[in-house]
Amino acid sequence: MALMEAYEAQIRLHDTADTCLPAQEAAWLIHENFSSLNVPKVLGGLVKQAAIRYVNALRAANIPTWGKPEEMVSLCLSVEVVTRAYAAPSKVVEPLMPEFQFLRLGPDKMSRILFEDRFADMGDRKLYGTRFQHFAAFFAKDWRKNDFTWGRLDAAHHLLRLFTFQSEEERRDVERELHREILKAEAPQGLDPCDWMAANLKELSESTDNQLLKKVTDSKHGRKVFNDAADSVLEVIGINRIPVIRTIPKLLRGRILQSYTSAPRRTLFQAAKTAMIGVGCTIAWVILVLIYALLFLWVI
């Protein structure tokens, strides 16, 4: 369909709306566009890829195939010719639009067994990975497990549209049961699946980034992840290669982290500003002490 649209768009580029081209000129125009877009090769490549994937899918599902991809294409063309030959005239002139339904998978749905009304508007805020400018997933294994579980829950919600149910209520019942089993499979041992996920949602909805970062960097692993990330940034910009200079950023990042996590609503800019003032005062004090010591030694 995309190739057909490109071909028609190329035809429309020629100003022929108010004129009737002679048959020979029209045929030349059609042939020229057909050749410039290399329609046979492009279309042949698309059909070949489709045939290969179709045959591989059948084999993966242990479904007997009729042969190789080339033979599959030949059989499909035969079916197309026979179908068109015996089709009603109205069917022959209809556009060959493939039947498909666009399905978008996204984290904008809440599970029906997890207080849907209470957390209905959270959207992707129910994921830990979106916090800290989308770096939060690096900090804790439990956070990644939460996000992976939501990936399964959301996919189940959307993919159920592919199945036919007697009623919407039946579909909802199946979704509840499927979500219940997914949570049971993913929840940590010893915890109630619904309570575990509800606690995560409560934490994400009520905690600021400052509070979450404080919680995770209080642990040895979380602090190591934070320091490793900061070292990687310094390495990229080349500061970490100079022993004397790299001490200042390391001191600064600790002050920034402390300032940022000490206030629930403090922005990163405010934390950096406070930390820079503090480090600047410390450096100035050290310099003054050194100057005083040198002057004292000089006098002596």
C-alpha atoms as a PDB file:
ATOM      1  CA  MET A   1       0.000   0.000   0.000  1.00  0.00           C
ATOM      2  CA  ALA A   2       2.880   2.386   0.760  1.00  0.00           C
ATOM      3  CA  LEU A   3       4.423   1.643  -2.622  1.00  0.00           C
ATOM      4  CA  MET A   4       1.088   2.277  -4.341  1.00  0.00           C
ATOM      5  CA  GLU A   5       0.694   5.594  -2.516  1.00  0.00           C
ATOM      6  CA  ALA A   6       4.219   6.652  -3.525  1.00  0.00           C
ATOM      7  CA  TYR A   7       3.474   5.763  -7.133  1.00  0.00           C
ATOM      8  CA  GLU A   8       0.221   7.757  -7.153  1.00  0.00           C
ATOM      9  CA  ALA A   9       1.942  10.703  -5.468  1.00  0.00           C
ATOM     10  CA  GLN A  10       4.603  10.667  -8.204  1.00  0.00           C
ATOM     11  CA  ILE A  11       1.864  10.787 -10.851  1.00  0.00           C
ATOM     12  CA  ARG A  12       0.188  13.729  -9.130  1.00  0.00           C
ATOM     13  CA  LEU A  13       3.409  15.715  -9.255  1.00  0.00           C
ATOM     14  CA  HIS A  14       2.751  16.237 -12.956  1.00  0.00           C
ATOM     15  CA  ASP A  15       0.218  18.956 -13.608  1.00  0.00           C
ATOM     16  CA  THR A  16      -2.288  16.888 -15.566  1.00  0.00           C
ATOM     17  CA  ALA A  17      -5.465  17.713 -13.638  1.00  0.00           C
ATOM     18  CA  ASP A  18      -6.838  20.158 -16.228  1.00  0.00           C
ATOM     19  CA  THR A  19      -5.460  18.453 -19.283  1.00  0.00           C
ATOM     20  CA  CYS A  20      -6.131  15.199 -21.033  1.00  0.00           C
ATOM     21  CA  LEU A  21      -2.859  13.590 -22.087  1.00  0.00           C
ATOM     22  CA  PRO A  22      -2.680  11.701 -25.342  1.00  0.00           C
ATOM     23  CA  ALA A  23      -2.621   7.954 -24.872  1.00  0.00           C
ATOM     24  CA  GLN A  24       1.032   7.618 -25.871  1.00  0.00           C
ATOM     25  CA  GLU A  25       2.190  10.419 -23.533  1.00  0.00           C
ATOM     26  CA  ALA A  26       0.112   9.041 -20.646  1.00  0.00           C
ATOM     27  CA  ALA A  27       1.573   5.575 -21.186  1.00  0.00           C
ATOM     28  CA  TRP A  28       5.093   7.053 -21.238  1.00  0.00           C
ATOM     29  CA  LEU A  29       4.421   8.928 -17.974  1.00  0.00           C
ATOM     30  CA  ILE A  30       3.114   5.805 -16.242  1.00  0.00           C
ATOM     31  CA  HIS A  31       6.053   3.720 -17.481  1.00  0.00           C
ATOM     32  CA  GLU A  32       8.572   6.395 -16.464  1.00  0.00           C
ATOM     33  CA  ASN A  33       7.245   6.589 -12.896  1.00  0.00           C
ATOM     34  CA  PHE A  34       7.001   2.813 -12.697  1.00  0.00           C
ATOM     35  CA  SER A  35      10.664   2.519 -13.656  1.00  0.00           C
ATOM     36  CA  SER A  36      11.971   5.413 -11.528  1.00  0.00           C
ATOM     37  CA  LEU A  37      10.430   3.917  -8.379  1.00  0.00           C
ATOM     38  CA  ASN A  38      11.774   0.466  -9.353  1.00  0.00           C
ATOM     39  CA  VAL A  39       8.382  -1.023  -8.528  1.00  0.00           C
ATOM     40  CA  PRO A  40       9.063  -4.638  -9.624  1.00  0.00           C
ATOM     41  CA  LYS A  41      12.222  -4.984  -7.516  1.00  0.00           C
ATOM     42  CA  VAL A  42      10.787  -3.236  -4.430  1.00  0.00           C
ATOM     43  CA  LEU A  43       7.484  -5.083  -4.555  1.00  0.00           C
ATOM     44  CA  GLY A  44       9.228  -8.385  -5.254  1.00  0.00           C
ATOM     45  CA  GLY A  45      11.476  -7.858  -2.243  1.00  0.00           C
ATOM     46  CA  LEU A  46       8.509  -7.129   0.026  1.00  0.00           C
ATOM     47  CA  VAL A  47       6.637 -10.220  -1.177  1.00  0.00           C
ATOM     48  CA  LYS A  48       9.735 -12.388  -0.728  1.00  0.00           C
ATOM     49  CA  GLN A  49      10.262 -11.153   2.849  1.00  0.00           C
ATOM     50  CA  ALA A  50       6.610 -11.779   3.668  1.00  0.00           C
ATOM     51  CA  ALA A  51       6.769 -15.299   2.257  1.00  0.00           C
ATOM     52  CA  ILE A  52       9.934 -16.162   4.191  1.00  0.00           C
ATOM     53  CA  ARG A  53       8.485 -14.890   7.465  1.00  0.00           C
ATOM     54  CA  TYR A  54       5.194 -16.694   6.848  1.00  0.00           C
ATOM     55  CA  VAL A  55       6.906 -20.023   6.190  1.00  0.00           C
ATOM     56  CA  ASN A  56       9.217 -19.582   9.208  1.00  0.00           C
ATOM     57  CA  ALA A  57       6.231 -18.781  11.423  1.00  0.00           C
ATOM     58  CA  LEU A  58       4.437 -21.934  10.288  1.00  0.00           C
ATOM     59  CA  ARG A  59       7.508 -24.062  10.930  1.00  0.00           C
ATOM     60  CA  ALA A  60       8.041 -22.517  14.363  1.00  0.00           C
ATOM     61  CA  ALA A  61       4.453 -23.424  15.236  1.00  0.00           C
ATOM     62  CA  ASN A  62       4.985 -26.992  13.918  1.00  0.00           C
ATOM     63  CA  ILE A  63       2.390 -26.424  11.182  1.00  0.00           C
ATOM     64  CA  PRO A  64       3.113 -28.340   7.943  1.00  0.00           C
ATOM     65  CA  THR A  65       4.012 -26.055   5.032  1.00  0.00           C
ATOM     66  CA  TRP A  66       3.580 -26.544   1.316  1.00  0.00           C
ATOM     67  CA  GLY A  67       7.193 -25.958   0.470  1.00  0.00           C
ATOM     68  CA  LYS A  68       9.714 -23.192   0.148  1.00  0.00           C
ATOM     69  CA  PRO A  69       8.921 -19.430   0.250  1.00  0.00           C
ATOM     70  CA  GLU A  70       9.069 -19.273  -3.573  1.00  0.00           C
ATOM     71  CA  GLU A  71       6.509 -22.058  -3.846  1.00  0.00           C
ATOM     72  CA  MET A  72       4.345 -20.303  -1.260  1.00  0.00           C
ATOM     73  CA  VAL A  73       4.300 -17.149  -3.387  1.00  0.00           C
ATOM     74  CA  SER A  74       3.339 -19.168  -6.453  1.00  0.00           C
ATOM     75  CA  LEU A  75       0.451 -20.805  -4.586  1.00  0.00           C
ATOM     76  CA  CYS A  76      -0.771 -17.446  -3.268  1.00  0.00           C
ATOM     77  CA  LEU A  77      -0.713 -15.977  -6.773  1.00  0.00           C
ATOM     78  CA  SER A  78      -2.720 -18.941  -8.033  1.00  0.00           C
ATOM     79  CA  VAL A  79      -5.316 -18.408  -5.297  1.00  0.00           C
ATOM     80  CA  GLU A  80      -5.432 -14.683  -6.161  1.00  0.00           C
ATOM     81  CA  VAL A  81      -6.029 -15.379  -9.858  1.00  0.00           C
ATOM     82  CA  VAL A  82      -8.750 -17.941  -9.200  1.00  0.00           C
ATOM     83  CA  THR A  83     -10.403 -15.736  -6.568  1.00  0.00           C
ATOM     84  CA  ARG A  84     -10.481 -12.754  -8.913  1.00  0.00           C
ATOM     85  CA  ALA A  85     -11.688 -14.843 -11.842  1.00  0.00           C
ATOM     86  CA  TYR A  86     -14.769 -16.013  -9.956  1.00  0.00           C
ATOM     87  CA  ALA A  87     -15.382 -12.826  -7.961  1.00  0.00           C
ATOM     88  CA  ALA A  88     -18.352 -10.550  -8.542  1.00  0.00           C
ATOM     89  CA  PRO A  89     -17.594  -7.413 -10.651  1.00  0.00           C
ATOM     90  CA  SER A  90     -18.155  -5.186  -7.625  1.00  0.00           C
ATOM     91  CA  LYS A  91     -15.455  -7.029  -5.697  1.00  0.00           C
ATOM     92  CA  VAL A  92     -12.937  -6.775  -8.527  1.00  0.00           C
ATOM     93  CA  VAL A  93     -13.050  -2.971  -8.709  1.00  0.00           C
ATOM     94  CA  GLU A  94     -12.826  -2.426  -4.947  1.00  0.00           C
ATOM     95  CA  PRO A  95      -9.432  -1.215  -3.639  1.00  0.00           C
ATOM     96  CA  LEU A  96      -7.177  -3.992  -2.408  1.00  0.00           C
ATOM     97  CA  MET A  97      -6.965  -2.707   1.170  1.00  0.00           C
ATOM     98  CA  PRO A  98      -5.665  -5.355   3.554  1.00  0.00           C
ATOM     99  CA  GLU A  99      -7.809  -5.894   6.629  1.00  0.00           C
ATOM    100  CA  PHE A 100      -5.894  -4.836   9.728  1.00  0.00           C
ATOM    101  CA  GLN A 101      -6.418  -3.060  13.015  1.00  0.00           C
ATOM    102  CA  PHE A 102      -3.857  -0.660  14.449  1.00  0.00           C
ATOM    103  CA  LEU A 103      -2.948  -1.748  17.973  1.00  0.00           C
ATOM    104  CA  ARG A 104      -0.985   0.644  20.167  1.00  0.00           C
ATOM    105  CA  LEU A 105       0.693  -0.743  23.268  1.00  0.00           C
ATOM    106  CA  GLY A 106       1.226   1.853  25.970  1.00  0.00           C
ATOM    107  CA  PRO A 107       1.395   2.247  29.755  1.00  0.00           C
ATOM    108  CA  ASP A 108      -1.818   4.248  29.967  1.00  0.00           C
ATOM    109  CA  LYS A 109      -4.114   1.553  31.369  1.00  0.00           C
ATOM    110  CA  MET A 110      -4.590   0.463  34.948  1.00  0.00           C
ATOM    111  CA  SER A 111      -5.257  -3.124  35.944  1.00  0.00           C
ATOM    112  CA  ARG A 112      -8.851  -3.799  36.982  1.00  0.00           C
ATOM    113  CA  ILE A 113      -7.683  -5.664  40.078  1.00  0.00           C
ATOM    114  CA  LEU A 114      -5.419  -2.841  41.313  1.00  0.00           C
ATOM    115  CA  PHE A 115      -7.727  -0.086  42.500  1.00  0.00           C
ATOM    116  CA  GLU A 116      -8.374   1.128  38.963  1.00  0.00           C
ATOM    117  CA  ASP A 117     -10.217   4.279  40.044  1.00  0.00           C
ATOM    118  CA  ARG A 118      -7.614   5.268  42.636  1.00  0.00           C
ATOM    119  CA  PHE A 119      -4.629   5.097  40.272  1.00  0.00           C
ATOM    120  CA  ALA A 120      -6.444   5.499  36.943  1.00  0.00           C
ATOM    121  CA  ASP A 121      -4.687   8.729  35.924  1.00  0.00           C
ATOM    122  CA  MET A 122      -1.111   7.643  36.661  1.00  0.00           C
ATOM    123  CA  GLY A 123      -0.260   6.646  33.084  1.00  0.00           C
ATOM    124  CA  ASP A 124       3.476   6.012  32.716  1.00  0.00           C
ATOM    125  CA  ARG A 125       4.039   7.434  36.217  1.00  0.00           C
ATOM    126  CA  LYS A 126       3.363   3.911  37.454  1.00  0.00           C
ATOM    127  CA  LEU A 127       6.847   2.991  36.155  1.00  0.00           C
ATOM    128  CA  TYR A 128       9.984   3.547  38.204  1.00  0.00           C
ATOM    129  CA  GLY A 129      12.072   3.730  35.041  1.00  0.00           C
ATOM    130  CA  THR A 130      10.614   7.088  34.021  1.00  0.00           C
ATOM    131  CA  ARG A 131      11.935   8.821  37.141  1.00  0.00           C
ATOM    132  CA  PHE A 132      15.310  10.614  37.356  1.00  0.00           C
ATOM    133  CA  GLN A 133      15.132  11.566  33.660  1.00  0.00           C
ATOM    134  CA  HIS A 134      14.497   7.890  32.733  1.00  0.00           C
ATOM    135  CA  PHE A 135      17.574   6.626  34.618  1.00  0.00           C
ATOM    136  CA  ALA A 136      15.789   5.187  37.660  1.00  0.00           C
ATOM    137  CA  ALA A 137      15.668   1.618  36.338  1.00  0.00           C
ATOM    138  CA  PHE A 138      19.437   1.347  36.844  1.00  0.00           C
ATOM    139  CA  PHE A 139      19.185   1.777  40.601  1.00  0.00           C
ATOM    140  CA  ALA A 140      17.159  -1.141  41.972  1.00  0.00           C
ATOM    141  CA  LYS A 141      16.284  -4.646  40.856  1.00  0.00           C
ATOM    142  CA  ASP A 142      12.871  -4.383  42.542  1.00  0.00           C
ATOM    143  CA  TRP A 143      12.083  -1.286  40.476  1.00  0.00           C
ATOM    144  CA  ARG A 144      12.943  -3.103  37.259  1.00  0.00           C
ATOM    145  CA  LYS A 145      10.787  -6.040  38.315  1.00  0.00           C
ATOM    146  CA  ASN A 146       7.867  -3.662  38.862  1.00  0.00           C
ATOM    147  CA  ASP A 147       8.251  -2.142  35.386  1.00  0.00           C
ATOM    148  CA  PHE A 148       8.640  -5.540  33.712  1.00  0.00           C
ATOM    149  CA  THR A 149       5.457  -6.731  35.408  1.00  0.00           C
ATOM    150  CA  TRP A 150       3.583  -3.678  34.118  1.00  0.00           C
ATOM    151  CA  GLY A 151       4.834  -4.487  30.638  1.00  0.00           C
ATOM    152  CA  ARG A 152       3.132  -7.869  30.878  1.00  0.00           C
ATOM    153  CA  LEU A 153      -0.047  -6.426  32.398  1.00  0.00           C
ATOM    154  CA  ASP A 154      -0.394  -3.712  29.758  1.00  0.00           C
ATOM    155  CA  ALA A 155       0.335  -6.096  26.911  1.00  0.00           C
ATOM    156  CA  ALA A 156      -2.298  -8.509  28.201  1.00  0.00           C
ATOM    157  CA  HIS A 157      -4.860  -5.690  28.356  1.00  0.00           C
ATOM    158  CA  HIS A 158      -4.261  -4.629  24.749  1.00  0.00           C
ATOM    159  CA  LEU A 159      -3.756  -8.069  23.197  1.00  0.00           C
ATOM    160  CA  LEU A 160      -7.077  -9.305  24.572  1.00  0.00           C
ATOM    161  CA  ARG A 161      -8.696  -7.136  21.890  1.00  0.00           C
ATOM    162  CA  LEU A 162      -7.565  -9.737  19.363  1.00  0.00           C
ATOM    163  CA  PHE A 163      -9.944 -12.289  20.897  1.00  0.00           C
ATOM    164  CA  THR A 164     -13.689 -12.433  20.475  1.00  0.00           C
ATOM    165  CA  PHE A 165     -15.884 -12.476  23.580  1.00  0.00           C
ATOM    166  CA  GLN A 166     -19.619 -12.763  24.044  1.00  0.00           C
ATOM    167  CA  SER A 167     -19.742  -9.469  25.918  1.00  0.00           C
ATOM    168  CA  GLU A 168     -17.558  -6.709  27.334  1.00  0.00           C
ATOM    169  CA  GLU A 169     -18.144  -8.057  30.829  1.00  0.00           C
ATOM    170  CA  GLU A 170     -16.749 -11.442  29.793  1.00  0.00           C
ATOM    171  CA  ARG A 171     -13.639  -9.764  28.388  1.00  0.00           C
ATOM    172  CA  ARG A 172     -13.157  -7.853  31.655  1.00  0.00           C
ATOM    173  CA  ASP A 173     -13.504 -11.051  33.677  1.00  0.00           C
ATOM    174  CA  VAL A 174     -10.859 -12.753  31.549  1.00  0.00           C
ATOM    175  CA  GLU A 175      -8.589  -9.713  31.922  1.00  0.00           C
ATOM    176  CA  ARG A 176      -8.949  -9.740  35.709  1.00  0.00           C
ATOM    177  CA  GLU A 177      -8.085 -13.423  35.863  1.00  0.00           C
ATOM    178  CA  LEU A 178      -5.119 -13.017  33.499  1.00  0.00           C
ATOM    179  CA  HIS A 179      -3.782 -10.045  35.471  1.00  0.00           C
ATOM    180  CA  ARG A 180      -4.192 -11.973  38.706  1.00  0.00           C
ATOM    181  CA  GLU A 181      -2.076 -14.840  37.329  1.00  0.00           C
ATOM    182  CA  ILE A 182       0.592 -12.475  35.959  1.00  0.00           C
ATOM    183  CA  LEU A 183       0.914 -10.729  39.318  1.00  0.00           C
ATOM    184  CA  LYS A 184       1.072 -14.066  41.103  1.00  0.00           C
ATOM    185  CA  ALA A 185       3.931 -15.139  38.828  1.00  0.00           C
ATOM    186  CA  GLU A 186       5.912 -11.900  39.131  1.00  0.00           C
ATOM    187  CA  ALA A 187       5.416 -10.823  42.760  1.00  0.00           C
ATOM    188  CA  PRO A 188       8.245 -11.515  45.251  1.00  0.00           C
ATOM    189  CA  GLN A 189       7.772 -14.616  47.364  1.00  0.00           C
ATOM    190  CA  GLY A 190       6.015 -14.088  50.668  1.00  0.00           C
ATOM    191  CA  LEU A 191       4.114 -10.983  49.514  1.00  0.00           C
ATOM    192  CA  ASP A 192       0.514 -10.709  48.418  1.00  0.00           C
ATOM    193  CA  PRO A 193       0.681  -9.886  44.665  1.00  0.00           C
ATOM    194  CA  CYS A 194      -1.951  -7.128  44.756  1.00  0.00           C
ATOM    195  CA  ASP A 195      -0.562  -5.601  47.957  1.00  0.00           C
ATOM    196  CA  TRP A 196       2.960  -5.584  46.473  1.00  0.00           C
ATOM    197  CA  MET A 197       1.927  -3.712  43.344  1.00  0.00           C
ATOM    198  CA  ALA A 198      -0.418  -1.382  45.225  1.00  0.00           C
ATOM    199  CA  ALA A 199       2.447  -0.428  47.555  1.00  0.00           C
ATOM    200  CA  ASN A 200       4.624   0.411  44.551  1.00  0.00           C
ATOM    201  CA  LEU A 201       1.863   2.544  43.030  1.00  0.00           C
ATOM    202  CA  LYS A 202       1.362   4.345  46.333  1.00  0.00           C
ATOM    203  CA  GLU A 203       5.072   5.088  46.609  1.00  0.00           C
ATOM    204  CA  LEU A 204       5.284   6.350  43.030  1.00  0.00           C
ATOM    205  CA  SER A 205       2.199   8.541  43.354  1.00  0.00           C
ATOM    206  CA  GLU A 206       3.180  10.100  46.693  1.00  0.00           C
ATOM    207  CA  SER A 207       6.990  10.358  46.473  1.00  0.00           C
ATOM    208  CA  THR A 208       8.965  13.047  44.700  1.00  0.00           C
ATOM    209  CA  ASP A 209      12.150  12.257  42.780  1.00  0.00           C
ATOM    210  CA  ASN A 210      14.102  13.689  45.715  1.00  0.00           C
ATOM    211  CA  GLN A 211      12.548  11.221  48.143  1.00  0.00           C
ATOM    212  CA  LEU A 212      12.987   8.253  45.828  1.00  0.00           C
ATOM    213  CA  LEU A 213      16.620   9.115  45.167  1.00  0.00           C
ATOM    214  CA  LYS A 214      17.283   9.479  48.894  1.00  0.00           C
ATOM    215  CA  LYS A 215      15.717   6.092  49.559  1.00  0.00           C
ATOM    216  CA  VAL A 216      17.737   4.298  46.914  1.00  0.00           C
ATOM    217  CA  THR A 217      21.085   6.045  47.585  1.00  0.00           C
ATOM    218  CA  ASP A 218      20.852   5.232  51.288  1.00  0.00           C
ATOM    219  CA  SER A 219      21.831   1.708  50.268  1.00  0.00           C
ATOM    220  CA  LYS A 220      25.373   0.757  49.327  1.00  0.00           C
ATOM    221  CA  HIS A 221      24.301  -0.516  45.906  1.00  0.00           C
ATOM    222  CA  GLY A 222      22.291   2.618  45.101  1.00  0.00           C
ATOM    223  CA  ARG A 223      25.156   4.926  46.064  1.00  0.00           C
ATOM    224  CA  LYS A 224      27.556   2.870  43.909  1.00  0.00           C
ATOM    225  CA  VAL A 225      25.210   3.169  40.896  1.00  0.00           C
ATOM    226  CA  PHE A 226      24.992   6.930  41.433  1.00  0.00           C
ATOM    227  CA  ASN A 227      28.767   7.314  41.691  1.00  0.00           C
ATOM    228  CA  ASP A 228      29.413   5.056  38.682  1.00  0.00           C
ATOM    229  CA  ALA A 229      26.970   7.096  36.568  1.00  0.00           C
ATOM    230  CA  ALA A 230      28.651  10.342  37.616  1.00  0.00           C
ATOM    231  CA  ASP A 231      32.109   8.889  36.872  1.00  0.00           C
ATOM    232  CA  SER A 232      30.912   7.824  33.410  1.00  0.00           C
ATOM    233  CA  VAL A 233      29.780  11.366  32.645  1.00  0.00           C
ATOM    234  CA  LEU A 234      33.104  12.795  33.824  1.00  0.00           C
ATOM    235  CA  GLU A 235      34.938  10.201  31.742  1.00  0.00           C
ATOM    236  CA  VAL A 236      33.013  11.177  28.607  1.00  0.00           C
ATOM    237  CA  ILE A 237      33.831  14.881  28.959  1.00  0.00           C
ATOM    238  CA  GLY A 238      37.442  14.107  29.873  1.00  0.00           C
ATOM    239  CA  ILE A 239      37.541  15.608  33.372  1.00  0.00           C
ATOM    240  CA  ASN A 240      38.091  12.265  35.069  1.00  0.00           C
ATOM    241  CA  ARG A 241      41.455  11.858  33.339  1.00  0.00           C
ATOM    242  CA  ILE A 242      43.068  14.739  35.231  1.00  0.00           C
ATOM    243  CA  PRO A 243      43.795  13.615  38.844  1.00  0.00           C
ATOM    244  CA  VAL A 244      43.911  17.097  40.350  1.00  0.00           C
ATOM    245  CA  ILE A 245      40.752  18.411  38.675  1.00  0.00           C
ATOM    246  CA  ARG A 246      38.579  15.301  39.097  1.00  0.00           C
ATOM    247  CA  THR A 247      38.598  15.703  42.895  1.00  0.00           C
ATOM    248  CA  ILE A 248      36.399  18.806  42.674  1.00  0.00           C
ATOM    249  CA  PRO A 249      33.541  17.184  40.651  1.00  0.00           C
ATOM    250  CA  LYS A 250      33.568  14.186  42.989  1.00  0.00           C
ATOM    251  CA  LEU A 251      33.252  16.480  45.987  1.00  0.00           C
ATOM    252  CA  LEU A 252      30.598  18.489  44.167  1.00  0.00           C
ATOM    253  CA  ARG A 253      28.429  15.491  43.243  1.00  0.00           C
ATOM    254  CA  GLY A 254      28.274  14.378  46.868  1.00  0.00           C
ATOM    255  CA  ARG A 255      27.155  17.838  47.945  1.00  0.00           C
ATOM    256  CA  ILE A 256      24.582  17.991  45.116  1.00  0.00           C
ATOM    257  CA  LEU A 257      23.141  14.620  46.118  1.00  0.00           C
ATOM    258  CA  GLN A 258      22.966  15.649  49.760  1.00  0.00           C
ATOM    259  CA  SER A 259      21.331  18.982  48.920  1.00  0.00           C
ATOM    260  CA  TYR A 260      18.876  17.448  46.436  1.00  0.00           C
ATOM    261  CA  THR A 261      17.684  14.647  48.717  1.00  0.00           C
ATOM    262  CA  SER A 262      17.441  16.812  51.849  1.00  0.00           C
ATOM    263  CA  ALA A 263      14.376  18.717  50.546  1.00  0.00           C
ATOM    264  CA  PRO A 264      11.395  16.913  48.923  1.00  0.00           C
ATOM    265  CA  ARG A 265      10.628  19.716  46.448  1.00  0.00           C
ATOM    266  CA  ARG A 266      14.095  21.072  45.693  1.00  0.00           C
ATOM    267  CA  THR A 267      14.988  21.144  42.009  1.00  0.00           C
ATOM    268  CA  LEU A 268      18.264  19.815  40.647  1.00  0.00           C
ATOM    269  CA  PHE A 269      19.306  23.360  39.661  1.00  0.00           C
ATOM    270  CA  GLN A 270      18.711  24.615  43.187  1.00  0.00           C
ATOM    271  CA  ALA A 271      20.649  21.687  44.621  1.00  0.00           C
ATOM    272  CA  ALA A 272      23.564  22.281  42.257  1.00  0.00           C
ATOM    273  CA  LYS A 273      23.599  25.983  43.105  1.00  0.00           C
ATOM    274  CA  THR A 274      23.650  25.269  46.848  1.00  0.00           C
ATOM    275  CA  ALA A 275      26.373  22.649  46.432  1.00  0.00           C
ATOM    276  CA  MET A 276      28.553  24.910  44.300  1.00  0.00           C
ATOM    277  CA  ILE A 277      28.330  27.705  46.850  1.00  0.00           C
ATOM    278  CA  GLY A 278      29.246  25.284  49.624  1.00  0.00           C
ATOM    279  CA  VAL A 279      32.175  23.767  47.715  1.00  0.00           C
ATOM    280  CA  GLY A 280      33.309  27.218  46.598  1.00  0.00           C
ATOM    281  CA  CYS A 281      33.360  28.436  50.190  1.00  0.00           C
ATOM    282  CA  THR A 282      35.322  25.345  51.224  1.00  0.00           C
ATOM    283  CA  ILE A 283      37.896  25.825  48.460  1.00  0.00           C
ATOM    284  CA  ALA A 284      38.194  29.533  49.282  1.00  0.00           C
ATOM    285  CA  TRP A 285      38.735  28.703  52.946  1.00  0.00           C
ATOM    286  CA  VAL A 286      41.448  26.160  52.067  1.00  0.00           C
ATOM    287  CA  ILE A 287      43.180  28.710  49.811  1.00  0.00           C
ATOM    288  CA  LEU A 288      43.083  31.354  52.549  1.00  0.00           C
ATOM    289  CA  VAL A 289      44.579  28.893  55.042  1.00  0.00           C
ATOM    290  CA  LEU A 290      47.368  28.041  52.600  1.00  0.00           C
ATOM    291  CA  ILE A 291      48.085  31.715  51.952  1.00  0.00           C
ATOM    292  CA  TYR A 292      48.159  32.412  55.676  1.00  0.00           C
ATOM    293  CA  ALA A 293      50.510  29.473  56.238  1.00  0.00           C
ATOM    294  CA  LEU A 294      52.860  30.648  53.462  1.00  0.00           C
ATOM    295  CA  LEU A 295      52.887  34.170  54.836  1.00  0.00           C
ATOM    296  CA  PHE A 296      53.631  32.841  58.308  1.00  0.00           C
ATOM    297  CA  LEU A 297      56.520  30.736  56.988  1.00  0.00           C
ATOM    298  CA  TRP A 298      57.846  33.680  54.982  1.00  0.00           C
ATOM    299  CA  VAL A 299      57.796  35.960  58.033  1.00  0.00           C
ATOM    300  CA  ILE A 300      59.611  33.351  60.086  1.00  0.00           C
END
